[in-house]
Amino acid sequence: MKSLVAAIAFLTRAPVGKMVTFDSSDVARSAGWFPLVGILLGGVYSLAAAFLKSHLPVAVVAVLLVILDAIATGALHFDGLADAADGFGGGRNREDVLRIMRDHAIGSYGGLALAAVVVLKVTAYVALLNRSNWIAALILTPGMGRWAILLLTATLPYARPSESVTEGMGKRSLIWGTVAISAALVAASSLRACMAMVSVVVVTTLFGSYCRRRIAGITGDTLGANLQLCEGAVLLTFLWSGLPQ
């Protein structure tokens, strides 16, 4: 229970941190719960969409879902995407990239990346919500995105010389996280959901290879960026192949 609470407190703004006391090592050990936390978030988003659809235009609901995601997570992964885009876009070498990522001021690359992912998500939600059987897509997307975190932390080293909570997230966390997301896929009984998982693996492999080449590993910002890229890929896969039947 403590590790689940630590995972929820780390990935969301839910006020559960007051329930137990935990440190960075507890957060690292809680990583196996990350996909489940994502699925719980997806459930909240689905409930919100189901309620709002009865009262508001679908386009407005889609915008509110993105806002809800930012509020629920403290915009943690949006921030990571912006920092990573600025770092990779403006850095000439490894040291430059890591230095720029430390600067939380948003530059042109970061602003463009944020705008692109927000527009992508809003338009994807509009398309999904205008079809039937959209619930599985909304529930699974955040879970798959957080599973992608475990793929990178299990296969790439931390790029900075300082210590990081990610160093304690290894293959054991990936195994438990894979069990959780696999159970969700079985429950969804959707070939298209499995195709979406494949897209997550492909995107994470390509982005991870890029991170290895540019900065010899990962940072918290690259994990957030990869999550956003993977969530976008999942939504696109559901749209491209149709919704689960």
Protein backbone atom coordinates (compact mmCIF):
# COMPACT_ATOMS: atom_id res chain seq x y z
CA MET A 1 0.00 0.00 0.00
CA LYS A 2 2.84 2.41 0.84
CA SER A 3 4.45 1.95 -2.56
CA LEU A 4 1.16 2.57 -4.37
CA VAL A 5 0.61 5.76 -2.38
CA ALA A 6 4.17 6.84 -3.20
CA ALA A 7 3.52 6.25 -6.91
CA ILE A 8 0.29 8.26 -6.81
CA ALA A 9 1.97 11.10 -4.92
CA PHE A 10 4.92 11.16 -7.35
CA LEU A 11 2.87 11.12 -10.57
CA THR A 12 -0.17 13.16 -9.56
CA ARG A 13 -1.27 16.06 -7.41
CA ALA A 14 -3.65 13.89 -5.40
CA PRO A 15 -3.20 14.80 -1.70
CA VAL A 16 -2.21 11.30 -0.64
CA GLY A 17 1.32 12.16 0.48
CA LYS A 18 0.01 13.05 3.93
CA MET A 19 -1.17 9.48 4.44
CA VAL A 20 2.32 7.98 4.70
CA THR A 21 5.93 9.13 4.93
CA PHE A 22 8.21 8.12 2.07
CA ASP A 23 11.49 9.13 0.45
CA SER A 24 13.12 8.85 -2.97
CA SER A 25 13.98 5.18 -2.47
CA ASP A 26 10.31 4.45 -1.77
CA VAL A 27 9.37 6.26 -4.97
CA ALA A 28 11.88 4.18 -6.93
CA ARG A 29 10.44 0.97 -5.49
CA SER A 30 6.94 2.15 -6.38
CA ALA A 31 7.66 2.39 -10.11
CA GLY A 32 5.97 -0.92 -10.85
CA TRP A 33 2.69 0.80 -9.97
CA PHE A 34 3.14 3.58 -12.54
CA PRO A 35 0.97 1.95 -15.27
CA LEU A 36 -1.80 1.33 -12.75
CA VAL A 37 -1.69 4.97 -11.69
CA GLY A 38 -2.01 5.88 -15.36
CA ILE A 39 -5.01 3.60 -15.74
CA LEU A 40 -6.63 5.21 -12.69
CA LEU A 41 -6.06 8.63 -14.25
CA GLY A 42 -7.57 7.36 -17.48
CA GLY A 43 -10.61 6.19 -15.55
CA VAL A 44 -11.03 9.66 -14.06
CA TYR A 45 -10.71 11.27 -17.50
CA SER A 46 -13.27 8.85 -18.94
CA LEU A 47 -15.77 9.60 -16.19
CA ALA A 48 -15.27 13.32 -16.73
CA ALA A 49 -15.74 12.95 -20.49
CA ALA A 50 -18.88 10.86 -20.07
CA PHE A 51 -20.42 13.52 -17.85
CA LEU A 52 -19.32 16.54 -19.86
CA LYS A 53 -20.40 15.09 -23.22
CA SER A 54 -24.02 15.38 -22.13
CA HIS A 55 -23.71 19.10 -21.49
CA LEU A 56 -20.99 20.56 -23.72
CA PRO A 57 -19.78 20.36 -27.34
CA VAL A 58 -17.22 17.63 -27.92
CA ALA A 59 -14.51 20.13 -28.85
CA VAL A 60 -14.91 21.88 -25.50
CA VAL A 61 -14.81 18.52 -23.69
CA ALA A 62 -11.55 17.66 -25.47
CA VAL A 63 -9.94 20.91 -24.33
CA LEU A 64 -11.15 20.33 -20.77
CA LEU A 65 -9.65 16.82 -20.80
CA VAL A 66 -6.22 18.22 -21.63
CA ILE A 67 -6.61 20.83 -18.89
CA LEU A 68 -7.71 18.13 -16.44
CA ASP A 69 -4.65 16.06 -17.33
CA ALA A 70 -2.37 19.03 -16.69
CA ILE A 71 -4.02 19.79 -13.35
CA ALA A 72 -4.09 16.17 -12.18
CA THR A 73 -0.39 15.65 -12.91
CA GLY A 74 0.87 19.13 -12.14
CA ALA A 75 1.80 19.41 -15.84
CA LEU A 76 4.86 17.33 -14.89
CA HIS A 77 5.25 15.60 -18.23
CA PHE A 78 4.34 18.66 -20.28
CA ASP A 79 7.22 20.42 -18.53
CA GLY A 80 9.54 17.52 -19.34
CA LEU A 81 8.57 17.67 -23.00
CA ALA A 82 9.26 21.40 -23.19
CA ASP A 83 12.64 21.12 -21.44
CA ALA A 84 13.71 18.16 -23.56
CA ALA A 85 12.69 19.90 -26.79
CA ASP A 86 14.67 23.02 -25.84
CA GLY A 87 17.67 20.93 -24.81
CA PHE A 88 17.82 18.72 -27.87
CA GLY A 89 16.86 21.54 -30.20
CA GLY A 90 19.30 24.13 -28.88
CA GLY A 91 22.17 22.04 -27.52
CA ARG A 92 25.23 21.50 -29.68
CA ASN A 93 26.75 18.78 -27.53
CA ARG A 94 25.91 16.63 -24.51
CA GLU A 95 26.87 19.28 -21.98
CA ASP A 96 24.82 21.93 -23.79
CA VAL A 97 21.75 19.71 -23.93
CA LEU A 98 21.88 18.86 -20.23
CA ARG A 99 22.52 22.48 -19.27
CA ILE A 100 19.59 23.77 -21.29
CA MET A 101 17.30 21.13 -19.83
CA ARG A 102 18.14 22.47 -16.37
CA ASP A 103 16.80 25.88 -17.37
CA HIS A 104 13.03 25.76 -16.88
CA ALA A 105 12.41 28.83 -19.02
CA ILE A 106 10.57 27.74 -22.15
CA GLY A 107 12.26 28.50 -25.44
CA SER A 108 11.00 28.33 -29.01
CA TYR A 109 11.52 24.57 -29.35
CA GLY A 110 9.76 23.90 -26.06
CA GLY A 111 6.87 26.20 -26.90
CA LEU A 112 6.40 24.58 -30.29
CA ALA A 113 6.54 21.09 -28.78
CA LEU A 114 3.91 21.98 -26.18
CA ALA A 115 1.64 23.57 -28.76
CA ALA A 116 1.97 20.56 -31.06
CA VAL A 117 1.18 17.96 -28.40
CA VAL A 118 -1.77 19.94 -27.01
CA VAL A 119 -3.27 20.41 -30.49
CA LEU A 120 -2.68 16.73 -31.28
CA LYS A 121 -4.37 15.57 -28.10
CA VAL A 122 -7.33 17.93 -28.41
CA THR A 123 -8.03 16.96 -32.01
CA ALA A 124 -7.54 13.26 -31.23
CA TYR A 125 -9.99 13.47 -28.31
CA VAL A 126 -12.52 15.21 -30.53
CA ALA A 127 -12.28 12.42 -33.10
CA LEU A 128 -12.44 9.69 -30.44
CA LEU A 129 -15.38 11.16 -28.57
CA ASN A 130 -17.37 11.48 -31.81
CA ARG A 131 -17.23 7.70 -32.20
CA SER A 132 -18.59 4.86 -30.14
CA ASN A 133 -16.57 2.74 -27.71
CA TRP A 134 -14.05 5.47 -26.90
CA ILE A 135 -13.71 4.65 -23.21
CA ALA A 136 -10.97 2.02 -23.55
CA ALA A 137 -8.78 4.44 -25.50
CA LEU A 138 -9.03 7.13 -22.83
CA ILE A 139 -8.37 4.69 -20.00
CA LEU A 140 -5.43 2.89 -21.60
CA THR A 141 -3.56 5.88 -23.03
CA PRO A 142 -2.22 7.25 -19.70
CA GLY A 143 -1.37 3.73 -18.53
CA MET A 144 0.66 2.97 -21.65
CA GLY A 145 2.43 6.32 -21.38
CA ARG A 146 3.57 5.57 -17.83
CA TRP A 147 4.59 2.04 -18.82
CA ALA A 148 6.94 3.69 -21.33
CA ILE A 149 8.74 5.32 -18.40
CA LEU A 150 9.66 1.86 -17.15
CA LEU A 151 10.96 0.79 -20.56
CA LEU A 152 13.51 3.62 -20.53
CA THR A 153 14.53 3.38 -16.88
CA ALA A 154 15.14 -0.36 -17.25
CA THR A 155 17.30 -0.05 -20.35
CA LEU A 156 19.19 3.27 -20.16
CA PRO A 157 21.41 4.86 -17.48
CA TYR A 158 20.82 8.23 -15.89
CA ALA A 159 22.66 10.81 -17.97
CA ARG A 160 23.72 13.19 -15.19
CA PRO A 161 26.50 12.56 -12.65
CA SER A 162 24.16 13.39 -9.75
CA GLU A 163 21.91 10.78 -8.18
CA SER A 164 18.35 10.35 -9.38
CA VAL A 165 15.28 8.46 -8.27
CA THR A 166 15.22 6.84 -11.71
CA GLU A 167 18.36 4.85 -10.89
CA GLY A 168 16.33 2.72 -8.50
CA MET A 169 13.76 1.86 -11.16
CA GLY A 170 15.05 -1.24 -12.86
CA LYS A 171 13.95 -4.40 -14.58
CA ARG A 172 11.90 -5.55 -11.59
CA SER A 173 9.70 -2.47 -11.90
CA LEU A 174 9.35 -3.08 -15.63
CA ILE A 175 8.20 -6.65 -14.98
CA TRP A 176 5.52 -5.64 -12.49
CA GLY A 177 4.43 -2.72 -14.64
CA THR A 178 4.17 -5.00 -17.66
CA VAL A 179 1.97 -7.38 -15.67
CA ALA A 180 -0.35 -4.49 -14.79
CA ILE A 181 -0.65 -3.09 -18.29
CA SER A 182 -1.01 -6.59 -19.76
CA ALA A 183 -3.93 -7.25 -17.42
CA ALA A 184 -5.55 -4.06 -18.66
CA LEU A 185 -5.07 -5.17 -22.27
CA VAL A 186 -6.65 -8.53 -21.53
CA ALA A 187 -9.60 -6.78 -19.90
CA ALA A 188 -9.97 -4.51 -22.94
CA SER A 189 -9.97 -7.53 -25.29
CA SER A 190 -8.88 -5.29 -28.15
CA LEU A 191 -6.44 -6.04 -30.92
CA ARG A 192 -6.20 -2.31 -31.53
CA ALA A 193 -5.05 -1.77 -27.95
CA CYS A 194 -2.28 -4.30 -28.57
CA MET A 195 -1.33 -2.38 -31.71
CA ALA A 196 -1.16 0.77 -29.58
CA MET A 197 1.24 -1.01 -27.23
CA VAL A 198 3.44 -1.88 -30.18
CA SER A 199 3.50 1.81 -31.13
CA VAL A 200 4.67 2.63 -27.59
CA VAL A 201 7.54 0.15 -27.91
CA VAL A 202 8.53 1.58 -31.29
CA VAL A 203 8.42 5.22 -30.17
CA THR A 204 10.29 4.46 -26.93
CA THR A 205 12.96 2.47 -28.76
CA LEU A 206 13.55 5.26 -31.27
CA PHE A 207 13.51 8.04 -28.68
CA GLY A 208 15.66 6.02 -26.29
CA SER A 209 18.22 5.45 -29.03
CA TYR A 210 18.24 9.18 -29.73
CA CYS A 211 18.76 9.97 -26.04
CA ARG A 212 21.61 7.47 -25.83
CA ARG A 213 23.30 9.04 -28.83
CA ARG A 214 22.84 12.66 -27.73
CA ILE A 215 23.29 12.52 -23.93
CA ALA A 216 24.33 8.91 -23.22
CA GLY A 217 21.20 8.15 -21.20
CA ILE A 218 18.01 9.61 -19.82
CA THR A 219 16.86 12.38 -17.50
CA GLY A 220 13.55 13.13 -15.85
CA ASP A 221 12.79 15.52 -18.70
CA THR A 222 13.35 12.88 -21.36
CA LEU A 223 11.05 10.50 -19.47
CA GLY A 224 8.31 13.12 -19.51
CA ALA A 225 8.91 13.85 -23.18
CA ASN A 226 8.75 10.18 -24.08
CA LEU A 227 5.50 9.79 -22.14
CA GLN A 228 3.92 12.59 -24.14
CA LEU A 229 5.20 11.17 -27.42
CA CYS A 230 3.87 7.73 -26.54
CA GLU A 231 0.45 9.02 -25.49
CA GLY A 232 0.22 10.82 -28.81
CA ALA A 233 1.22 7.63 -30.63
CA VAL A 234 -1.40 5.61 -28.74
CA LEU A 235 -4.17 8.06 -29.62
CA LEU A 236 -3.10 8.10 -33.25
CA THR A 237 -3.04 4.30 -33.35
CA PHE A 238 -6.58 4.07 -32.01
CA LEU A 239 -7.72 6.62 -34.58
CA TRP A 240 -5.81 5.04 -37.47
CA SER A 241 -7.03 1.52 -36.81
CA GLY A 242 -10.48 2.40 -35.47
CA LEU A 243 -11.79 2.12 -31.95
CA PRO A 244 -11.93 -1.13 -30.00
CA GLN A 245 -15.07 -3.12 -30.65
